[in-house]
Amino acid sequence: MKDVLENLFEIELENPVDKIVKQIRKLIISGHLKPGDKLPSERNLSEKLGIGRTHVRDAIKKLEFFGVLKTNPQSGTVVSGIDMAAMEGLLFNILKLGENEFVHLVETRVLMETYLCRQAALRRTEEDIVEMRKALANYKSVVTENQPAVNEDFNFHLKIAEASKNTVIKSLMLIIIPDILKIYRKFNVCGDGRFYKSYDEHQLILKCIIDKDPDGAEKAMLLHLNDVIEFSKSFKGEDKIIND
């Protein structure tokens, strides 16, 4: 019986984005897609794969971030000129990225967002302040109507990332945070008045950024993420939900 169990492997559940990435990977490795070849449009890919355009768009963004694809507004999305052997290993790592445990995703988010907040306080422009204020106002309007403001919350954080002027970490946020938000929604992490509390925390973060106070901004972001940190520590056996 022991020998039988040792030869069985855990079944991995994949999300639609990873399934799309795998199909594109197969086409590239097999040579059906070569460097410089143009991908079909999002609409055509969506129809052919029988899946929503949002998943197609997320898969393309994921491949763009790692340099596998590149998009030009005039010519569309094409395969980059990366070496095929390197690409095979790279694509494997992309597919594995979404399988980290939830607590590790949260740890990564905290490291990124506290750094981004500090940099935003040092680098923000008047235009950035306008955009962050708009995002916070949108967040408040949704919360005031007693509606969940997960997307508005994420947009506020995204505006902070843009104010930091670090496009690489902003891209990493776009990859990591959607998986975290799936867990938030399923377990109602932001329920029980949490959105109102978050609004006050957002105000403090924005004030520190406007005042060009990097230490205060970093501390305010860490305070804001504390509930999520504590939730992640108690989150056991559910991380596979990320791939559902």
C-alpha atoms as a PDB file:
ATOM      1  CA  MET A   1       0.000   0.000   0.000  1.00  0.00           C
ATOM      2  CA  LYS A   2       2.844   2.387   0.867  1.00  0.00           C
ATOM      3  CA  ASP A   3       4.478   1.809  -2.550  1.00  0.00           C
ATOM      4  CA  VAL A   4       1.199   2.616  -4.288  1.00  0.00           C
ATOM      5  CA  LEU A   5       0.778   5.907  -2.382  1.00  0.00           C
ATOM      6  CA  GLU A   6       4.365   6.924  -3.088  1.00  0.00           C
ATOM      7  CA  ASN A   7       3.673   6.684  -6.809  1.00  0.00           C
ATOM      8  CA  LEU A   8       0.589   8.892  -6.697  1.00  0.00           C
ATOM      9  CA  PHE A   9       0.852  12.650  -7.147  1.00  0.00           C
ATOM     10  CA  GLU A  10      -1.283  15.506  -5.906  1.00  0.00           C
ATOM     11  CA  ILE A  11      -3.759  16.771  -8.506  1.00  0.00           C
ATOM     12  CA  GLU A  12      -3.138  20.401  -9.410  1.00  0.00           C
ATOM     13  CA  LEU A  13      -6.140  22.580 -10.213  1.00  0.00           C
ATOM     14  CA  GLU A  14      -5.437  25.289 -12.764  1.00  0.00           C
ATOM     15  CA  ASN A  15      -7.122  28.612 -13.239  1.00  0.00           C
ATOM     16  CA  PRO A  16      -8.154  29.760 -16.739  1.00  0.00           C
ATOM     17  CA  VAL A  17      -5.226  32.167 -17.076  1.00  0.00           C
ATOM     18  CA  ASP A  18      -2.662  29.416 -16.525  1.00  0.00           C
ATOM     19  CA  LYS A  19      -4.473  27.181 -19.014  1.00  0.00           C
ATOM     20  CA  ILE A  20      -4.189  29.914 -21.638  1.00  0.00           C
ATOM     21  CA  VAL A  21      -0.502  30.444 -20.808  1.00  0.00           C
ATOM     22  CA  LYS A  22       0.104  26.715 -21.235  1.00  0.00           C
ATOM     23  CA  GLN A  23      -1.529  26.677 -24.666  1.00  0.00           C
ATOM     24  CA  ILE A  24       0.537  29.648 -25.848  1.00  0.00           C
ATOM     25  CA  ARG A  25       3.642  28.002 -24.359  1.00  0.00           C
ATOM     26  CA  LYS A  26       2.956  24.843 -26.359  1.00  0.00           C
ATOM     27  CA  LEU A  27       2.557  26.824 -29.587  1.00  0.00           C
ATOM     28  CA  ILE A  28       5.850  28.659 -29.004  1.00  0.00           C
ATOM     29  CA  ILE A  29       7.894  25.627 -27.984  1.00  0.00           C
ATOM     30  CA  SER A  30       6.532  23.582 -30.906  1.00  0.00           C
ATOM     31  CA  GLY A  31       7.414  26.347 -33.352  1.00  0.00           C
ATOM     32  CA  HIS A  32       3.837  27.093 -34.411  1.00  0.00           C
ATOM     33  CA  LEU A  33       4.434  30.570 -33.006  1.00  0.00           C
ATOM     34  CA  LYS A  34       7.835  32.082 -33.813  1.00  0.00           C
ATOM     35  CA  PRO A  35       9.531  35.307 -32.691  1.00  0.00           C
ATOM     36  CA  GLY A  36       7.826  38.192 -34.445  1.00  0.00           C
ATOM     37  CA  ASP A  37       4.592  36.271 -35.105  1.00  0.00           C
ATOM     38  CA  LYS A  38       1.422  38.145 -34.230  1.00  0.00           C
ATOM     39  CA  LEU A  39      -1.175  36.669 -31.874  1.00  0.00           C
ATOM     40  CA  PRO A  40      -4.852  36.658 -32.842  1.00  0.00           C
ATOM     41  CA  SER A  41      -6.917  39.457 -31.299  1.00  0.00           C
ATOM     42  CA  GLU A  42      -8.288  39.118 -27.752  1.00  0.00           C
ATOM     43  CA  ARG A  43     -11.776  38.735 -29.220  1.00  0.00           C
ATOM     44  CA  ASN A  44     -10.729  35.926 -31.558  1.00  0.00           C
ATOM     45  CA  LEU A  45      -8.773  34.147 -28.827  1.00  0.00           C
ATOM     46  CA  SER A  46     -11.717  34.467 -26.460  1.00  0.00           C
ATOM     47  CA  GLU A  47     -14.126  32.988 -29.000  1.00  0.00           C
ATOM     48  CA  LYS A  48     -11.775  30.145 -29.945  1.00  0.00           C
ATOM     49  CA  LEU A  49     -10.966  29.219 -26.337  1.00  0.00           C
ATOM     50  CA  GLY A  50     -14.560  29.629 -25.191  1.00  0.00           C
ATOM     51  CA  ILE A  51     -13.509  31.861 -22.308  1.00  0.00           C
ATOM     52  CA  GLY A  52     -13.973  35.482 -21.239  1.00  0.00           C
ATOM     53  CA  ARG A  53     -11.755  38.197 -22.695  1.00  0.00           C
ATOM     54  CA  THR A  54     -10.656  39.203 -19.178  1.00  0.00           C
ATOM     55  CA  HIS A  55      -8.856  35.854 -18.746  1.00  0.00           C
ATOM     56  CA  VAL A  56      -7.228  36.222 -22.168  1.00  0.00           C
ATOM     57  CA  ARG A  57      -6.107  39.753 -21.320  1.00  0.00           C
ATOM     58  CA  ASP A  58      -4.653  38.636 -17.954  1.00  0.00           C
ATOM     59  CA  ALA A  59      -2.741  35.794 -19.610  1.00  0.00           C
ATOM     60  CA  ILE A  60      -1.256  38.183 -22.172  1.00  0.00           C
ATOM     61  CA  LYS A  61      -0.276  40.643 -19.426  1.00  0.00           C
ATOM     62  CA  LYS A  62       1.412  37.835 -17.506  1.00  0.00           C
ATOM     63  CA  LEU A  63       3.417  36.794 -20.567  1.00  0.00           C
ATOM     64  CA  GLU A  64       4.237  40.418 -21.381  1.00  0.00           C
ATOM     65  CA  PHE A  65       5.656  41.028 -17.924  1.00  0.00           C
ATOM     66  CA  PHE A  66       8.095  38.149 -18.320  1.00  0.00           C
ATOM     67  CA  GLY A  67       9.111  39.273 -21.804  1.00  0.00           C
ATOM     68  CA  VAL A  68       7.536  36.363 -23.674  1.00  0.00           C
ATOM     69  CA  LEU A  69       5.109  38.631 -25.538  1.00  0.00           C
ATOM     70  CA  LYS A  70       5.217  42.316 -26.380  1.00  0.00           C
ATOM     71  CA  THR A  71       2.350  44.558 -27.425  1.00  0.00           C
ATOM     72  CA  ASN A  72       2.528  47.534 -29.739  1.00  0.00           C
ATOM     73  CA  PRO A  73      -0.606  49.690 -30.073  1.00  0.00           C
ATOM     74  CA  GLN A  74      -0.134  49.815 -33.846  1.00  0.00           C
ATOM     75  CA  SER A  75       0.888  46.238 -34.642  1.00  0.00           C
ATOM     76  CA  GLY A  76      -0.761  44.213 -31.853  1.00  0.00           C
ATOM     77  CA  THR A  77       0.737  41.489 -29.640  1.00  0.00           C
ATOM     78  CA  VAL A  78       3.709  39.523 -30.990  1.00  0.00           C
ATOM     79  CA  VAL A  79       6.089  36.844 -29.718  1.00  0.00           C
ATOM     80  CA  SER A  80       9.376  38.323 -28.518  1.00  0.00           C
ATOM     81  CA  GLY A  81      12.760  37.179 -29.819  1.00  0.00           C
ATOM     82  CA  ILE A  82      13.781  35.354 -26.631  1.00  0.00           C
ATOM     83  CA  ASP A  83      15.806  32.120 -26.964  1.00  0.00           C
ATOM     84  CA  MET A  84      13.499  29.081 -27.101  1.00  0.00           C
ATOM     85  CA  ALA A  85      15.372  27.047 -24.476  1.00  0.00           C
ATOM     86  CA  ALA A  86      15.310  29.979 -22.075  1.00  0.00           C
ATOM     87  CA  MET A  87      11.661  30.565 -22.846  1.00  0.00           C
ATOM     88  CA  GLU A  88      10.693  26.993 -21.986  1.00  0.00           C
ATOM     89  CA  GLY A  89      12.142  27.328 -18.490  1.00  0.00           C
ATOM     90  CA  LEU A  90      10.741  30.825 -18.094  1.00  0.00           C
ATOM     91  CA  LEU A  91       7.215  29.767 -18.982  1.00  0.00           C
ATOM     92  CA  PHE A  92       7.425  26.902 -16.506  1.00  0.00           C
ATOM     93  CA  ASN A  93       8.277  29.404 -13.759  1.00  0.00           C
ATOM     94  CA  ILE A  94       5.380  31.644 -14.790  1.00  0.00           C
ATOM     95  CA  LEU A  95       2.935  28.772 -14.412  1.00  0.00           C
ATOM     96  CA  LYS A  96       4.302  27.896 -10.983  1.00  0.00           C
ATOM     97  CA  LEU A  97       4.111  31.492  -9.742  1.00  0.00           C
ATOM     98  CA  GLY A  98       0.396  31.307  -8.920  1.00  0.00           C
ATOM     99  CA  GLU A  99       0.801  28.211  -6.759  1.00  0.00           C
ATOM    100  CA  ASN A 100       2.527  29.855  -3.788  1.00  0.00           C
ATOM    101  CA  GLU A 101       0.883  29.507  -0.415  1.00  0.00           C
ATOM    102  CA  PHE A 102      -1.449  32.340   0.515  1.00  0.00           C
ATOM    103  CA  VAL A 103       0.716  33.492   3.415  1.00  0.00           C
ATOM    104  CA  HIS A 104       3.680  33.869   1.057  1.00  0.00           C
ATOM    105  CA  LEU A 105       1.615  35.935  -1.343  1.00  0.00           C
ATOM    106  CA  VAL A 106       0.599  38.221   1.518  1.00  0.00           C
ATOM    107  CA  GLU A 107       4.201  38.520   2.734  1.00  0.00           C
ATOM    108  CA  THR A 108       5.234  39.523  -0.774  1.00  0.00           C
ATOM    109  CA  ARG A 109       2.408  42.043  -0.990  1.00  0.00           C
ATOM    110  CA  VAL A 110       3.432  43.659   2.295  1.00  0.00           C
ATOM    111  CA  LEU A 111       7.066  43.973   1.199  1.00  0.00           C
ATOM    112  CA  MET A 112       6.042  45.522  -2.120  1.00  0.00           C
ATOM    113  CA  GLU A 113       3.391  47.896  -0.839  1.00  0.00           C
ATOM    114  CA  THR A 114       5.372  49.298   2.091  1.00  0.00           C
ATOM    115  CA  TYR A 115       8.249  49.988  -0.301  1.00  0.00           C
ATOM    116  CA  LEU A 116       5.915  51.526  -2.898  1.00  0.00           C
ATOM    117  CA  CYS A 117       4.341  53.747  -0.256  1.00  0.00           C
ATOM    118  CA  ARG A 118       7.753  55.025   0.835  1.00  0.00           C
ATOM    119  CA  GLN A 119       8.756  55.722  -2.761  1.00  0.00           C
ATOM    120  CA  ALA A 120       5.439  57.408  -3.515  1.00  0.00           C
ATOM    121  CA  ALA A 121       6.063  59.836  -0.648  1.00  0.00           C
ATOM    122  CA  LEU A 122       9.432  60.684  -2.188  1.00  0.00           C
ATOM    123  CA  ARG A 123       8.461  60.764  -5.871  1.00  0.00           C
ATOM    124  CA  ARG A 124       4.782  61.743  -6.134  1.00  0.00           C
ATOM    125  CA  THR A 125       3.754  64.596  -8.381  1.00  0.00           C
ATOM    126  CA  GLU A 126       0.759  66.908  -8.125  1.00  0.00           C
ATOM    127  CA  GLU A 127      -0.902  64.815 -10.847  1.00  0.00           C
ATOM    128  CA  ASP A 128      -0.381  61.687  -8.722  1.00  0.00           C
ATOM    129  CA  ILE A 129      -2.050  63.378  -5.767  1.00  0.00           C
ATOM    130  CA  VAL A 130      -5.067  64.224  -7.917  1.00  0.00           C
ATOM    131  CA  GLU A 131      -5.359  60.589  -9.085  1.00  0.00           C
ATOM    132  CA  MET A 132      -5.000  59.174  -5.547  1.00  0.00           C
ATOM    133  CA  ARG A 133      -7.638  61.577  -4.240  1.00  0.00           C
ATOM    134  CA  LYS A 134     -10.013  60.556  -7.034  1.00  0.00           C
ATOM    135  CA  ALA A 135      -9.474  56.871  -6.231  1.00  0.00           C
ATOM    136  CA  LEU A 136     -10.095  57.476  -2.536  1.00  0.00           C
ATOM    137  CA  ALA A 137     -13.268  59.453  -3.310  1.00  0.00           C
ATOM    138  CA  ASN A 138     -14.559  56.576  -5.460  1.00  0.00           C
ATOM    139  CA  TYR A 139     -13.768  54.176  -2.622  1.00  0.00           C
ATOM    140  CA  LYS A 140     -15.707  56.335  -0.141  1.00  0.00           C
ATOM    141  CA  SER A 141     -18.753  56.633  -2.419  1.00  0.00           C
ATOM    142  CA  VAL A 142     -19.051  52.850  -2.723  1.00  0.00           C
ATOM    143  CA  VAL A 143     -18.521  52.244   1.008  1.00  0.00           C
ATOM    144  CA  THR A 144     -21.126  54.907   1.853  1.00  0.00           C
ATOM    145  CA  GLU A 145     -23.659  52.880  -0.131  1.00  0.00           C
ATOM    146  CA  ASN A 146     -22.797  49.822   2.020  1.00  0.00           C
ATOM    147  CA  GLN A 147     -21.353  48.019  -0.982  1.00  0.00           C
ATOM    148  CA  PRO A 148     -18.108  45.986  -1.004  1.00  0.00           C
ATOM    149  CA  ALA A 149     -15.316  48.201  -2.332  1.00  0.00           C
ATOM    150  CA  VAL A 150     -12.669  45.579  -3.164  1.00  0.00           C
ATOM    151  CA  ASN A 151     -12.030  46.909  -6.663  1.00  0.00           C
ATOM    152  CA  GLU A 152     -11.969  50.543  -5.505  1.00  0.00           C
ATOM    153  CA  ASP A 153      -9.565  49.581  -2.722  1.00  0.00           C
ATOM    154  CA  PHE A 154      -7.254  47.900  -5.216  1.00  0.00           C
ATOM    155  CA  ASN A 155      -7.402  50.933  -7.501  1.00  0.00           C
ATOM    156  CA  PHE A 156      -6.283  53.222  -4.676  1.00  0.00           C
ATOM    157  CA  HIS A 157      -3.300  50.972  -4.024  1.00  0.00           C
ATOM    158  CA  LEU A 158      -2.566  50.902  -7.743  1.00  0.00           C
ATOM    159  CA  LYS A 159      -2.453  54.710  -7.833  1.00  0.00           C
ATOM    160  CA  ILE A 160       0.101  54.614  -5.024  1.00  0.00           C
ATOM    161  CA  ALA A 161       2.167  52.180  -7.092  1.00  0.00           C
ATOM    162  CA  GLU A 162       1.990  54.544 -10.057  1.00  0.00           C
ATOM    163  CA  ALA A 163       3.092  57.435  -7.845  1.00  0.00           C
ATOM    164  CA  SER A 164       6.147  55.409  -6.788  1.00  0.00           C
ATOM    165  CA  LYS A 165       7.372  55.432 -10.422  1.00  0.00           C
ATOM    166  CA  ASN A 166       8.486  51.794 -10.097  1.00  0.00           C
ATOM    167  CA  THR A 167       6.797  50.094 -13.058  1.00  0.00           C
ATOM    168  CA  VAL A 168       8.314  46.666 -12.317  1.00  0.00           C
ATOM    169  CA  ILE A 169       6.797  46.374  -8.846  1.00  0.00           C
ATOM    170  CA  LYS A 170       3.528  47.781 -10.167  1.00  0.00           C
ATOM    171  CA  SER A 171       3.482  44.925 -12.718  1.00  0.00           C
ATOM    172  CA  LEU A 172       4.189  42.398  -9.967  1.00  0.00           C
ATOM    173  CA  MET A 173       1.246  43.801  -8.005  1.00  0.00           C
ATOM    174  CA  LEU A 174      -1.022  43.190 -10.991  1.00  0.00           C
ATOM    175  CA  ILE A 175       0.083  39.537 -10.988  1.00  0.00           C
ATOM    176  CA  ILE A 176      -0.018  38.811  -7.256  1.00  0.00           C
ATOM    177  CA  ILE A 177      -2.875  40.826  -5.766  1.00  0.00           C
ATOM    178  CA  PRO A 178      -5.760  39.389  -7.878  1.00  0.00           C
ATOM    179  CA  ASP A 179      -5.038  35.951  -6.365  1.00  0.00           C
ATOM    180  CA  ILE A 180      -5.107  37.461  -2.873  1.00  0.00           C
ATOM    181  CA  LEU A 181      -8.409  39.209  -3.606  1.00  0.00           C
ATOM    182  CA  LYS A 182     -10.014  35.867  -4.482  1.00  0.00           C
ATOM    183  CA  ILE A 183      -9.370  34.720  -0.907  1.00  0.00           C
ATOM    184  CA  TYR A 184     -10.582  38.037   0.538  1.00  0.00           C
ATOM    185  CA  ARG A 185     -13.905  37.706  -1.289  1.00  0.00           C
ATOM    186  CA  LYS A 186     -14.450  34.040  -0.429  1.00  0.00           C
ATOM    187  CA  PHE A 187     -13.789  34.496   3.292  1.00  0.00           C
ATOM    188  CA  ASN A 188     -15.197  38.020   3.591  1.00  0.00           C
ATOM    189  CA  VAL A 189     -11.920  39.335   5.000  1.00  0.00           C
ATOM    190  CA  CYS A 190     -13.077  42.910   4.473  1.00  0.00           C
ATOM    191  CA  GLY A 191     -16.486  42.464   6.060  1.00  0.00           C
ATOM    192  CA  ASP A 192     -17.835  43.629   9.436  1.00  0.00           C
ATOM    193  CA  GLY A 193     -17.134  47.301   8.904  1.00  0.00           C
ATOM    194  CA  ARG A 194     -13.612  46.727   7.659  1.00  0.00           C
ATOM    195  CA  PHE A 195     -14.160  48.985   4.636  1.00  0.00           C
ATOM    196  CA  TYR A 196     -14.925  51.969   6.892  1.00  0.00           C
ATOM    197  CA  LYS A 197     -11.802  51.310   8.941  1.00  0.00           C
ATOM    198  CA  SER A 198      -9.793  50.984   5.739  1.00  0.00           C
ATOM    199  CA  TYR A 199     -11.023  54.370   4.554  1.00  0.00           C
ATOM    200  CA  ASP A 200      -9.547  56.062   7.626  1.00  0.00           C
ATOM    201  CA  GLU A 201      -6.301  54.166   7.081  1.00  0.00           C
ATOM    202  CA  HIS A 202      -6.250  55.205   3.415  1.00  0.00           C
ATOM    203  CA  GLN A 203      -6.645  58.832   4.443  1.00  0.00           C
ATOM    204  CA  LEU A 204      -3.617  58.576   6.729  1.00  0.00           C
ATOM    205  CA  ILE A 205      -1.552  56.910   4.001  1.00  0.00           C
ATOM    206  CA  LEU A 206      -2.472  59.631   1.507  1.00  0.00           C
ATOM    207  CA  LYS A 207      -1.705  62.408   4.000  1.00  0.00           C
ATOM    208  CA  CYS A 208       1.794  61.007   4.598  1.00  0.00           C
ATOM    209  CA  ILE A 209       2.398  60.745   0.851  1.00  0.00           C
ATOM    210  CA  ILE A 210       1.199  64.332   0.268  1.00  0.00           C
ATOM    211  CA  ASP A 211       3.386  65.540   3.169  1.00  0.00           C
ATOM    212  CA  LYS A 212       6.402  63.732   1.655  1.00  0.00           C
ATOM    213  CA  ASP A 213       6.807  61.675   4.838  1.00  0.00           C
ATOM    214  CA  PRO A 214       8.264  58.308   3.681  1.00  0.00           C
ATOM    215  CA  ASP A 215       8.637  56.870   7.203  1.00  0.00           C
ATOM    216  CA  GLY A 216       5.067  57.788   8.092  1.00  0.00           C
ATOM    217  CA  ALA A 217       3.730  56.472   4.780  1.00  0.00           C
ATOM    218  CA  GLU A 218       5.487  53.130   5.247  1.00  0.00           C
ATOM    219  CA  LYS A 219       4.202  52.760   8.822  1.00  0.00           C
ATOM    220  CA  ALA A 220       0.672  53.746   7.771  1.00  0.00           C
ATOM    221  CA  MET A 221       0.654  51.108   5.022  1.00  0.00           C
ATOM    222  CA  LEU A 222       1.952  48.435   7.406  1.00  0.00           C
ATOM    223  CA  LEU A 223      -0.808  49.346   9.879  1.00  0.00           C
ATOM    224  CA  HIS A 224      -3.361  49.163   7.052  1.00  0.00           C
ATOM    225  CA  LEU A 225      -2.221  45.664   6.047  1.00  0.00           C
ATOM    226  CA  ASN A 226      -2.007  44.327   9.606  1.00  0.00           C
ATOM    227  CA  ASP A 227      -5.444  42.639   9.568  1.00  0.00           C
ATOM    228  CA  VAL A 228      -4.581  40.852   6.339  1.00  0.00           C
ATOM    229  CA  ILE A 229      -1.249  39.744   7.792  1.00  0.00           C
ATOM    230  CA  GLU A 230      -2.987  38.281  10.839  1.00  0.00           C
ATOM    231  CA  PHE A 231      -5.598  36.569   8.646  1.00  0.00           C
ATOM    232  CA  SER A 232      -2.897  34.973   6.490  1.00  0.00           C
ATOM    233  CA  LYS A 233      -1.198  33.500   9.566  1.00  0.00           C
ATOM    234  CA  SER A 234      -4.387  31.670  10.524  1.00  0.00           C
ATOM    235  CA  PHE A 235      -5.180  30.621   6.966  1.00  0.00           C
ATOM    236  CA  LYS A 236      -4.483  26.870   6.764  1.00  0.00           C
ATOM    237  CA  GLY A 237      -5.251  24.255   4.170  1.00  0.00           C
ATOM    238  CA  GLU A 238      -7.165  26.633   1.917  1.00  0.00           C
ATOM    239  CA  ASP A 239      -4.388  27.959  -0.332  1.00  0.00           C
ATOM    240  CA  LYS A 240      -5.383  25.674  -3.212  1.00  0.00           C
ATOM    241  CA  ILE A 241      -8.488  27.836  -3.561  1.00  0.00           C
ATOM    242  CA  ILE A 242      -6.251  30.320  -5.386  1.00  0.00           C
ATOM    243  CA  ASN A 243      -6.268  28.030  -8.402  1.00  0.00           C
ATOM    244  CA  ASP A 244      -9.991  27.215  -8.345  1.00  0.00           C
END
